[in-house]
Amino acid sequence: PSLLHAWDAGINFLFFAGTTLLAFLFVQRLL
């Protein structure tokens, strides 16, 4: 909620989409 207030919703969802992509790459390459 704080991030949503400070920035636009699009930026927040892009940030979380980026972290999800990093988690996906971690699983694909290292596990």
Full PDB file with SEQRES, HELIX, SHEET, SSBOND, CRYST1, ORIGX, SCALE, CONECT and MASTER records, all heavy atoms in Angstrom:
SEQRES   1 A   31  PRO SER LEU LEU HIS ALA TRP ASP ALA GLY ILE ASN PHE          
SEQRES   2 A   31  LEU PHE PHE ALA GLY THR THR LEU LEU ALA PHE LEU PHE          
SEQRES   3 A   31  VAL GLN ARG LEU LEU                                          
HELIX    1 AA1 SER A    2  ALA A    6  1                                   5    
HELIX    2 AA2 ALA A    9  LEU A   30  1                                  22    
CRYST1    1.000    1.000    1.000  90.00  90.00  90.00 P 1           1          
ORIGX1      1.000000  0.000000  0.000000        0.00000                         
ORIGX2      0.000000  1.000000  0.000000        0.00000                         
ORIGX3      0.000000  0.000000  1.000000        0.00000                         
SCALE1      1.000000  0.000000  0.000000        0.00000                         
SCALE2      0.000000  1.000000  0.000000        0.00000                         
SCALE3      0.000000  0.000000  1.000000        0.00000                         
ATOM      1  N   PRO A   1       0.814  -1.231   0.000  1.00  0.00           N  
ATOM      2  CA  PRO A   1       0.000   0.000   0.000  1.00  0.00           C  
ATOM      3  C   PRO A   1       0.846   1.280   0.000  1.00  0.00           C  
ATOM      4  O   PRO A   1       0.499   2.249  -0.674  1.00  0.00           O  
ATOM      5  CB  PRO A   1      -0.827  -0.107   1.281  1.00  0.00           C  
ATOM      6  CG  PRO A   1      -0.890  -1.564   1.564  1.00  0.00           C  
ATOM      7  CD  PRO A   1       0.432  -2.116   1.104  1.00  0.00           C  
ATOM      8  N   SER A   2       1.958   1.271   0.714  1.00  0.00           N  
ATOM      9  CA  SER A   2       2.833   2.448   0.726  1.00  0.00           C  
ATOM     10  C   SER A   2       3.455   2.680  -0.644  1.00  0.00           C  
ATOM     11  O   SER A   2       3.548   3.822  -1.110  1.00  0.00           O  
ATOM     12  CB  SER A   2       3.943   2.283   1.766  1.00  0.00           C  
ATOM     13  OG  SER A   2       3.395   2.135   3.040  1.00  0.00           O  
ATOM     14  N   LEU A   3       3.897   1.597  -1.281  1.00  0.00           N  
ATOM     15  CA  LEU A   3       4.469   1.727  -2.616  1.00  0.00           C  
ATOM     16  C   LEU A   3       3.414   2.171  -3.625  1.00  0.00           C  
ATOM     17  O   LEU A   3       3.698   2.945  -4.537  1.00  0.00           O  
ATOM     18  CB  LEU A   3       5.089   0.399  -3.058  1.00  0.00           C  
ATOM     19  CG  LEU A   3       6.319  -0.070  -2.301  1.00  0.00           C  
ATOM     20  CD1 LEU A   3       6.743  -1.450  -2.799  1.00  0.00           C  
ATOM     21  CD2 LEU A   3       7.455   0.922  -2.446  1.00  0.00           C  
ATOM     22  N   LEU A   4       2.214   1.683  -3.463  1.00  0.00           N  
ATOM     23  CA  LEU A   4       1.124   2.066  -4.357  1.00  0.00           C  
ATOM     24  C   LEU A   4       0.826   3.556  -4.237  1.00  0.00           C  
ATOM     25  O   LEU A   4       0.563   4.231  -5.237  1.00  0.00           O  
ATOM     26  CB  LEU A   4      -0.121   1.238  -4.035  1.00  0.00           C  
ATOM     27  CG  LEU A   4      -1.262   1.274  -5.031  1.00  0.00           C  
ATOM     28  CD1 LEU A   4      -0.791   0.802  -6.396  1.00  0.00           C  
ATOM     29  CD2 LEU A   4      -2.407   0.411  -4.531  1.00  0.00           C  
ATOM     30  N   HIS A   5       0.894   4.070  -3.022  1.00  0.00           N  
ATOM     31  CA  HIS A   5       0.663   5.498  -2.798  1.00  0.00           C  
ATOM     32  C   HIS A   5       1.828   6.336  -3.337  1.00  0.00           C  
ATOM     33  O   HIS A   5       1.612   7.408  -3.895  1.00  0.00           O  
ATOM     34  CB  HIS A   5       0.459   5.773  -1.302  1.00  0.00           C  
ATOM     35  CG  HIS A   5       0.192   7.195  -0.980  1.00  0.00           C  
ATOM     36  ND1 HIS A   5      -0.988   7.819  -1.332  1.00  0.00           N  
ATOM     37  CD2 HIS A   5       0.940   8.130  -0.355  1.00  0.00           C  
ATOM     38  CE1 HIS A   5      -0.937   9.079  -0.942  1.00  0.00           C  
ATOM     39  NE2 HIS A   5       0.224   9.291  -0.332  1.00  0.00           N  
ATOM     40  N   ALA A   6       3.052   5.853  -3.163  1.00  0.00           N  
ATOM     41  CA  ALA A   6       4.234   6.612  -3.590  1.00  0.00           C  
ATOM     42  C   ALA A   6       4.411   6.596  -5.105  1.00  0.00           C  
ATOM     43  O   ALA A   6       4.819   7.608  -5.687  1.00  0.00           O  
ATOM     44  CB  ALA A   6       5.478   6.058  -2.910  1.00  0.00           C  
ATOM     45  N   TRP A   7       4.132   5.474  -5.744  1.00  0.00           N  
ATOM     46  CA  TRP A   7       4.302   5.336  -7.184  1.00  0.00           C  
ATOM     47  C   TRP A   7       2.991   4.897  -7.814  1.00  0.00           C  
ATOM     48  O   TRP A   7       2.044   4.538  -7.132  1.00  0.00           O  
ATOM     49  CB  TRP A   7       5.383   4.301  -7.524  1.00  0.00           C  
ATOM     50  CG  TRP A   7       6.741   4.681  -7.036  1.00  0.00           C  
ATOM     51  CD1 TRP A   7       7.340   5.904  -7.109  1.00  0.00           C  
ATOM     52  CD2 TRP A   7       7.687   3.826  -6.387  1.00  0.00           C  
ATOM     53  NE1 TRP A   7       8.584   5.861  -6.554  1.00  0.00           N  
ATOM     54  CE2 TRP A   7       8.822   4.605  -6.112  1.00  0.00           C  
ATOM     55  CE3 TRP A   7       7.670   2.490  -6.021  1.00  0.00           C  
ATOM     56  CZ2 TRP A   7       9.946   4.079  -5.483  1.00  0.00           C  
ATOM     57  CZ3 TRP A   7       8.782   1.974  -5.409  1.00  0.00           C  
ATOM     58  CH2 TRP A   7       9.908   2.758  -5.147  1.00  0.00           C  
ATOM     59  N   ASP A   8       2.995   4.836  -9.105  1.00  0.00           N  
ATOM     60  CA  ASP A   8       1.820   4.378  -9.830  1.00  0.00           C  
ATOM     61  C   ASP A   8       1.680   2.861  -9.698  1.00  0.00           C  
ATOM     62  O   ASP A   8       2.648   2.156  -9.435  1.00  0.00           O  
ATOM     63  CB  ASP A   8       1.983   4.767 -11.303  1.00  0.00           C  
ATOM     64  CG  ASP A   8       0.725   4.560 -12.108  1.00  0.00           C  
ATOM     65  OD1 ASP A   8      -0.366   4.587 -11.522  1.00  0.00           O  
ATOM     66  OD2 ASP A   8       0.846   4.359 -13.335  1.00  0.00           O  
ATOM     67  N   ALA A   9       0.478   2.355  -9.897  1.00  0.00           N  
ATOM     68  CA  ALA A   9       0.236   0.912  -9.799  1.00  0.00           C  
ATOM     69  C   ALA A   9       1.052   0.146 -10.828  1.00  0.00           C  
ATOM     70  O   ALA A   9       1.545  -0.950 -10.544  1.00  0.00           O  
ATOM     71  CB  ALA A   9      -1.247   0.621  -9.977  1.00  0.00           C  
ATOM     72  N   GLY A  10       1.211   0.701 -12.014  1.00  0.00           N  
ATOM     73  CA  GLY A  10       1.961   0.024 -13.069  1.00  0.00           C  
ATOM     74  C   GLY A  10       3.403  -0.245 -12.677  1.00  0.00           C  
ATOM     75  O   GLY A  10       3.934  -1.329 -12.929  1.00  0.00           O  
ATOM     76  N   ILE A  11       4.042   0.719 -12.053  1.00  0.00           N  
ATOM     77  CA  ILE A  11       5.435   0.554 -11.627  1.00  0.00           C  
ATOM     78  C   ILE A  11       5.542  -0.533 -10.558  1.00  0.00           C  
ATOM     79  O   ILE A  11       6.451  -1.356 -10.582  1.00  0.00           O  
ATOM     80  CB  ILE A  11       6.013   1.894 -11.118  1.00  0.00           C  
ATOM     81  CG1 ILE A  11       6.115   2.884 -12.280  1.00  0.00           C  
ATOM     82  CG2 ILE A  11       7.363   1.706 -10.450  1.00  0.00           C  
ATOM     83  CD1 ILE A  11       6.504   4.284 -11.884  1.00  0.00           C  
ATOM     84  N   ASN A  12       4.596  -0.537  -9.625  1.00  0.00           N  
ATOM     85  CA  ASN A  12       4.610  -1.561  -8.581  1.00  0.00           C  
ATOM     86  C   ASN A  12       4.448  -2.957  -9.165  1.00  0.00           C  
ATOM     87  O   ASN A  12       5.163  -3.886  -8.784  1.00  0.00           O  
ATOM     88  CB  ASN A  12       3.501  -1.298  -7.569  1.00  0.00           C  
ATOM     89  CG  ASN A  12       3.875  -0.193  -6.623  1.00  0.00           C  
ATOM     90  OD1 ASN A  12       4.910  -0.261  -5.978  1.00  0.00           O  
ATOM     91  ND2 ASN A  12       3.045   0.828  -6.560  1.00  0.00           N  
ATOM     92  N   PHE A  13       3.511  -3.110 -10.079  1.00  0.00           N  
ATOM     93  CA  PHE A  13       3.295  -4.427 -10.656  1.00  0.00           C  
ATOM     94  C   PHE A  13       4.464  -4.843 -11.539  1.00  0.00           C  
ATOM     95  O   PHE A  13       4.802  -6.029 -11.604  1.00  0.00           O  
ATOM     96  CB  PHE A  13       1.964  -4.484 -11.401  1.00  0.00           C  
ATOM     97  CG  PHE A  13       0.792  -4.566 -10.465  1.00  0.00           C  
ATOM     98  CD1 PHE A  13      -0.058  -3.489 -10.305  1.00  0.00           C  
ATOM     99  CD2 PHE A  13       0.560  -5.711  -9.718  1.00  0.00           C  
ATOM    100  CE1 PHE A  13      -1.117  -3.558  -9.423  1.00  0.00           C  
ATOM    101  CE2 PHE A  13      -0.500  -5.790  -8.839  1.00  0.00           C  
ATOM    102  CZ  PHE A  13      -1.346  -4.709  -8.688  1.00  0.00           C  
ATOM    103  N   LEU A  14       5.114  -3.900 -12.199  1.00  0.00           N  
ATOM    104  CA  LEU A  14       6.326  -4.228 -12.959  1.00  0.00           C  
ATOM    105  C   LEU A  14       7.439  -4.696 -12.028  1.00  0.00           C  
ATOM    106  O   LEU A  14       8.178  -5.634 -12.337  1.00  0.00           O  
ATOM    107  CB  LEU A  14       6.799  -3.025 -13.779  1.00  0.00           C  
ATOM    108  CG  LEU A  14       6.061  -2.780 -15.082  1.00  0.00           C  
ATOM    109  CD1 LEU A  14       6.543  -1.476 -15.729  1.00  0.00           C  
ATOM    110  CD2 LEU A  14       6.261  -3.939 -16.033  1.00  0.00           C  
ATOM    111  N   PHE A  15       7.574  -4.036 -10.874  1.00  0.00           N  
ATOM    112  CA  PHE A  15       8.582  -4.444  -9.902  1.00  0.00           C  
ATOM    113  C   PHE A  15       8.337  -5.881  -9.441  1.00  0.00           C  
ATOM    114  O   PHE A  15       9.250  -6.713  -9.433  1.00  0.00           O  
ATOM    115  CB  PHE A  15       8.582  -3.490  -8.698  1.00  0.00           C  
ATOM    116  CG  PHE A  15       9.405  -3.984  -7.552  1.00  0.00           C  
ATOM    117  CD1 PHE A  15      10.786  -3.926  -7.603  1.00  0.00           C  
ATOM    118  CD2 PHE A  15       8.797  -4.523  -6.431  1.00  0.00           C  
ATOM    119  CE1 PHE A  15      11.559  -4.394  -6.542  1.00  0.00           C  
ATOM    120  CE2 PHE A  15       9.560  -4.987  -5.365  1.00  0.00           C  
ATOM    121  CZ  PHE A  15      10.936  -4.922  -5.427  1.00  0.00           C  
ATOM    122  N   PHE A  16       7.086  -6.191  -9.083  1.00  0.00           N  
ATOM    123  CA  PHE A  16       6.781  -7.544  -8.612  1.00  0.00           C  
ATOM    124  C   PHE A  16       6.857  -8.566  -9.747  1.00  0.00           C  
ATOM    125  O   PHE A  16       7.234  -9.714  -9.523  1.00  0.00           O  
ATOM    126  CB  PHE A  16       5.428  -7.579  -7.906  1.00  0.00           C  
ATOM    127  CG  PHE A  16       5.476  -6.913  -6.550  1.00  0.00           C  
ATOM    128  CD1 PHE A  16       4.829  -5.720  -6.316  1.00  0.00           C  
ATOM    129  CD2 PHE A  16       6.197  -7.492  -5.512  1.00  0.00           C  
ATOM    130  CE1 PHE A  16       4.894  -5.110  -5.073  1.00  0.00           C  
ATOM    131  CE2 PHE A  16       6.265  -6.900  -4.269  1.00  0.00           C  
ATOM    132  CZ  PHE A  16       5.613  -5.699  -4.050  1.00  0.00           C  
ATOM    133  N   ALA A  17       6.533  -8.160 -10.968  1.00  0.00           N  
ATOM    134  CA  ALA A  17       6.700  -9.052 -12.115  1.00  0.00           C  
ATOM    135  C   ALA A  17       8.181  -9.341 -12.342  1.00  0.00           C  
ATOM    136  O   ALA A  17       8.567 -10.474 -12.662  1.00  0.00           O  
ATOM    137  CB  ALA A  17       6.082  -8.440 -13.367  1.00  0.00           C  
ATOM    138  N   GLY A  18       9.030  -8.339 -12.155  1.00  0.00           N  
ATOM    139  CA  GLY A  18      10.479  -8.542 -12.288  1.00  0.00           C  
ATOM    140  C   GLY A  18      11.026  -9.489 -11.243  1.00  0.00           C  
ATOM    141  O   GLY A  18      11.848 -10.364 -11.550  1.00  0.00           O  
ATOM    142  N   THR A  19      10.565  -9.361 -10.005  1.00  0.00           N  
ATOM    143  CA  THR A  19      11.030 -10.286  -8.969  1.00  0.00           C  
ATOM    144  C   THR A  19      10.525 -11.699  -9.235  1.00  0.00           C  
ATOM    145  O   THR A  19      11.229 -12.674  -8.964  1.00  0.00           O  
ATOM    146  CB  THR A  19      10.597  -9.827  -7.563  1.00  0.00           C  
ATOM    147  OG1 THR A  19       9.182  -9.703  -7.521  1.00  0.00           O  
ATOM    148  CG2 THR A  19      11.239  -8.500  -7.188  1.00  0.00           C  
ATOM    149  N   THR A  20       9.325 -11.819  -9.797  1.00  0.00           N  
ATOM    150  CA  THR A  20       8.807 -13.134 -10.162  1.00  0.00           C  
ATOM    151  C   THR A  20       9.639 -13.744 -11.282  1.00  0.00           C  
ATOM    152  O   THR A  20       9.939 -14.945 -11.266  1.00  0.00           O  
ATOM    153  CB  THR A  20       7.328 -13.031 -10.580  1.00  0.00           C  
ATOM    154  OG1 THR A  20       6.586 -12.483  -9.487  1.00  0.00           O  
ATOM    155  CG2 THR A  20       6.758 -14.383 -10.955  1.00  0.00           C  
ATOM    156  N   LEU A  21      10.043 -12.932 -12.250  1.00  0.00           N  
ATOM    157  CA  LEU A  21      10.906 -13.419 -13.331  1.00  0.00           C  
ATOM    158  C   LEU A  21      12.254 -13.893 -12.780  1.00  0.00           C  
ATOM    159  O   LEU A  21      12.755 -14.950 -13.188  1.00  0.00           O  
ATOM    160  CB  LEU A  21      11.123 -12.326 -14.374  1.00  0.00           C  
ATOM    161  CG  LEU A  21      12.067 -12.685 -15.522  1.00  0.00           C  
ATOM    162  CD1 LEU A  21      11.494 -13.815 -16.365  1.00  0.00           C  
ATOM    163  CD2 LEU A  21      12.340 -11.466 -16.366  1.00  0.00           C  
ATOM    164  N   LEU A  22      12.823 -13.147 -11.852  1.00  0.00           N  
ATOM    165  CA  LEU A  22      14.083 -13.574 -11.233  1.00  0.00           C  
ATOM    166  C   LEU A  22      13.912 -14.903 -10.488  1.00  0.00           C  
ATOM    167  O   LEU A  22      14.790 -15.773 -10.553  1.00  0.00           O  
ATOM    168  CB  LEU A  22      14.604 -12.495 -10.286  1.00  0.00           C  
ATOM    169  CG  LEU A  22      15.107 -11.219 -10.937  1.00  0.00           C  
ATOM    170  CD1 LEU A  22      15.482 -10.182  -9.877  1.00  0.00           C  
ATOM    171  CD2 LEU A  22      16.283 -11.500 -11.854  1.00  0.00           C  
ATOM    172  N   ALA A  23      12.815 -15.069  -9.795  1.00  0.00           N  
ATOM    173  CA  ALA A  23      12.558 -16.332  -9.091  1.00  0.00           C  
ATOM    174  C   ALA A  23      12.416 -17.479 -10.088  1.00  0.00           C  
ATOM    175  O   ALA A  23      12.942 -18.575  -9.859  1.00  0.00           O  
ATOM    176  CB  ALA A  23      11.294 -16.215  -8.235  1.00  0.00           C  
ATOM    177  N   PHE A  24      11.746 -17.231 -11.203  1.00  0.00           N  
ATOM    178  CA  PHE A  24      11.593 -18.257 -12.233  1.00  0.00           C  
ATOM    179  C   PHE A  24      12.948 -18.671 -12.791  1.00  0.00           C  
ATOM    180  O   PHE A  24      13.233 -19.867 -12.949  1.00  0.00           O  
ATOM    181  CB  PHE A  24      10.693 -17.729 -13.359  1.00  0.00           C  
ATOM    182  CG  PHE A  24      10.578 -18.675 -14.519  1.00  0.00           C  
ATOM    183  CD1 PHE A  24       9.770 -19.792 -14.440  1.00  0.00           C  
ATOM    184  CD2 PHE A  24      11.284 -18.433 -15.685  1.00  0.00           C  
ATOM    185  CE1 PHE A  24       9.663 -20.664 -15.511  1.00  0.00           C  
ATOM    186  CE2 PHE A  24      11.182 -19.294 -16.762  1.00  0.00           C  
ATOM    187  CZ  PHE A  24      10.373 -20.412 -16.677  1.00  0.00           C  
ATOM    188  N   LEU A  25      13.810 -17.696 -13.083  1.00  0.00           N  
ATOM    189  CA  LEU A  25      15.146 -18.003 -13.608  1.00  0.00           C  
ATOM    190  C   LEU A  25      15.973 -18.781 -12.587  1.00  0.00           C  
ATOM    191  O   LEU A  25      16.714 -19.696 -12.943  1.00  0.00           O  
ATOM    192  CB  LEU A  25      15.863 -16.725 -14.021  1.00  0.00           C  
ATOM    193  CG  LEU A  25      15.254 -15.995 -15.222  1.00  0.00           C  
ATOM    194  CD1 LEU A  25      15.943 -14.650 -15.439  1.00  0.00           C  
ATOM    195  CD2 LEU A  25      15.306 -16.859 -16.465  1.00  0.00           C  
ATOM    196  N   PHE A  26      15.848 -18.424 -11.313  1.00  0.00           N  
ATOM    197  CA  PHE A  26      16.544 -19.147 -10.258  1.00  0.00           C  
ATOM    198  C   PHE A  26      16.131 -20.612 -10.244  1.00  0.00           C  
ATOM    199  O   PHE A  26      16.978 -21.511 -10.203  1.00  0.00           O  
ATOM    200  CB  PHE A  26      16.247 -18.487  -8.900  1.00  0.00           C  
ATOM    201  CG  PHE A  26      16.752 -19.276  -7.731  1.00  0.00           C  
ATOM    202  CD1 PHE A  26      18.076 -19.224  -7.366  1.00  0.00           C  
ATOM    203  CD2 PHE A  26      15.891 -20.076  -6.998  1.00  0.00           C  
ATOM    204  CE1 PHE A  26      18.551 -19.961  -6.287  1.00  0.00           C  
ATOM    205  CE2 PHE A  26      16.345 -20.814  -5.920  1.00  0.00           C  
ATOM    206  CZ  PHE A  26      17.683 -20.757  -5.567  1.00  0.00           C  
ATOM    207  N   VAL A  27      14.834 -20.854 -10.309  1.00  0.00           N  
ATOM    208  CA  VAL A  27      14.331 -22.231 -10.283  1.00  0.00           C  
ATOM    209  C   VAL A  27      14.804 -22.990 -11.511  1.00  0.00           C  
ATOM    210  O   VAL A  27      15.270 -24.135 -11.414  1.00  0.00           O  
ATOM    211  CB  VAL A  27      12.788 -22.244 -10.178  1.00  0.00           C  
ATOM    212  CG1 VAL A  27      12.226 -23.627 -10.431  1.00  0.00           C  
ATOM    213  CG2 VAL A  27      12.356 -21.738  -8.813  1.00  0.00           C  
ATOM    214  N   GLN A  28      14.717 -22.387 -12.682  1.00  0.00           N  
ATOM    215  CA  GLN A  28      15.092 -23.062 -13.922  1.00  0.00           C  
ATOM    216  C   GLN A  28      16.574 -23.414 -13.984  1.00  0.00           C  
ATOM    217  O   GLN A  28      16.957 -24.443 -14.519  1.00  0.00           O  
ATOM    218  CB  GLN A  28      14.726 -22.200 -15.133  1.00  0.00           C  
ATOM    219  CG  GLN A  28      13.259 -22.176 -15.420  1.00  0.00           C  
ATOM    220  CD  GLN A  28      12.746 -23.545 -15.808  1.00  0.00           C  
ATOM    221  OE1 GLN A  28      13.328 -24.248 -16.606  1.00  0.00           O  
ATOM    222  NE2 GLN A  28      11.630 -23.932 -15.223  1.00  0.00           N  
ATOM    223  N   ARG A  29      17.416 -22.554 -13.447  1.00  0.00           N  
ATOM    224  CA  ARG A  29      18.858 -22.737 -13.617  1.00  0.00           C  
ATOM    225  C   ARG A  29      19.568 -23.399 -12.444  1.00  0.00           C  
ATOM    226  O   ARG A  29      20.587 -24.049 -12.633  1.00  0.00           O  
ATOM    227  CB  ARG A  29      19.516 -21.396 -13.913  1.00  0.00           C  
ATOM    228  CG  ARG A  29      19.036 -20.820 -15.226  1.00  0.00           C  
ATOM    229  CD  ARG A  29      19.709 -19.519 -15.540  1.00  0.00           C  
ATOM    230  NE  ARG A  29      19.113 -18.932 -16.710  1.00  0.00           N  
ATOM    231  CZ  ARG A  29      19.606 -19.055 -17.934  1.00  0.00           C  
ATOM    232  NH1 ARG A  29      20.688 -19.747 -18.127  1.00  0.00           N  
ATOM    233  NH2 ARG A  29      19.019 -18.485 -18.950  1.00  0.00           N  
ATOM    234  N   LEU A  30      19.053 -23.235 -11.228  1.00  0.00           N  
ATOM    235  CA  LEU A  30      19.823 -23.665 -10.067  1.00  0.00           C  
ATOM    236  C   LEU A  30      19.219 -24.812  -9.257  1.00  0.00           C  
ATOM    237  O   LEU A  30      19.943 -25.453  -8.498  1.00  0.00           O  
ATOM    238  CB  LEU A  30      20.073 -22.470  -9.141  1.00  0.00           C  
ATOM    239  CG  LEU A  30      20.896 -21.339  -9.758  1.00  0.00           C  
ATOM    240  CD1 LEU A  30      21.008 -20.185  -8.782  1.00  0.00           C  
ATOM    241  CD2 LEU A  30      22.265 -21.824 -10.177  1.00  0.00           C  
ATOM    242  N   LEU A  31      17.942 -25.060  -9.392  1.00  0.00           N  
ATOM    243  CA  LEU A  31      17.349 -26.123  -8.588  1.00  0.00           C  
ATOM    244  C   LEU A  31      17.392 -27.446  -9.345  1.00  0.00           C  
ATOM    245  O   LEU A  31      17.155 -27.489 -10.544  1.00  0.00           O  
ATOM    246  CB  LEU A  31      15.910 -25.788  -8.211  1.00  0.00           C  
ATOM    247  CG  LEU A  31      15.748 -24.600  -7.274  1.00  0.00           C  
ATOM    248  CD1 LEU A  31      14.282 -24.401  -6.936  1.00  0.00           C  
ATOM    249  CD2 LEU A  31      16.553 -24.768  -6.008  1.00  0.00           C  
TER     250      LEU A  31                                                      
MASTER        0    0    0    2    0    0    0    6  249    1    0    3          
END                                                                             
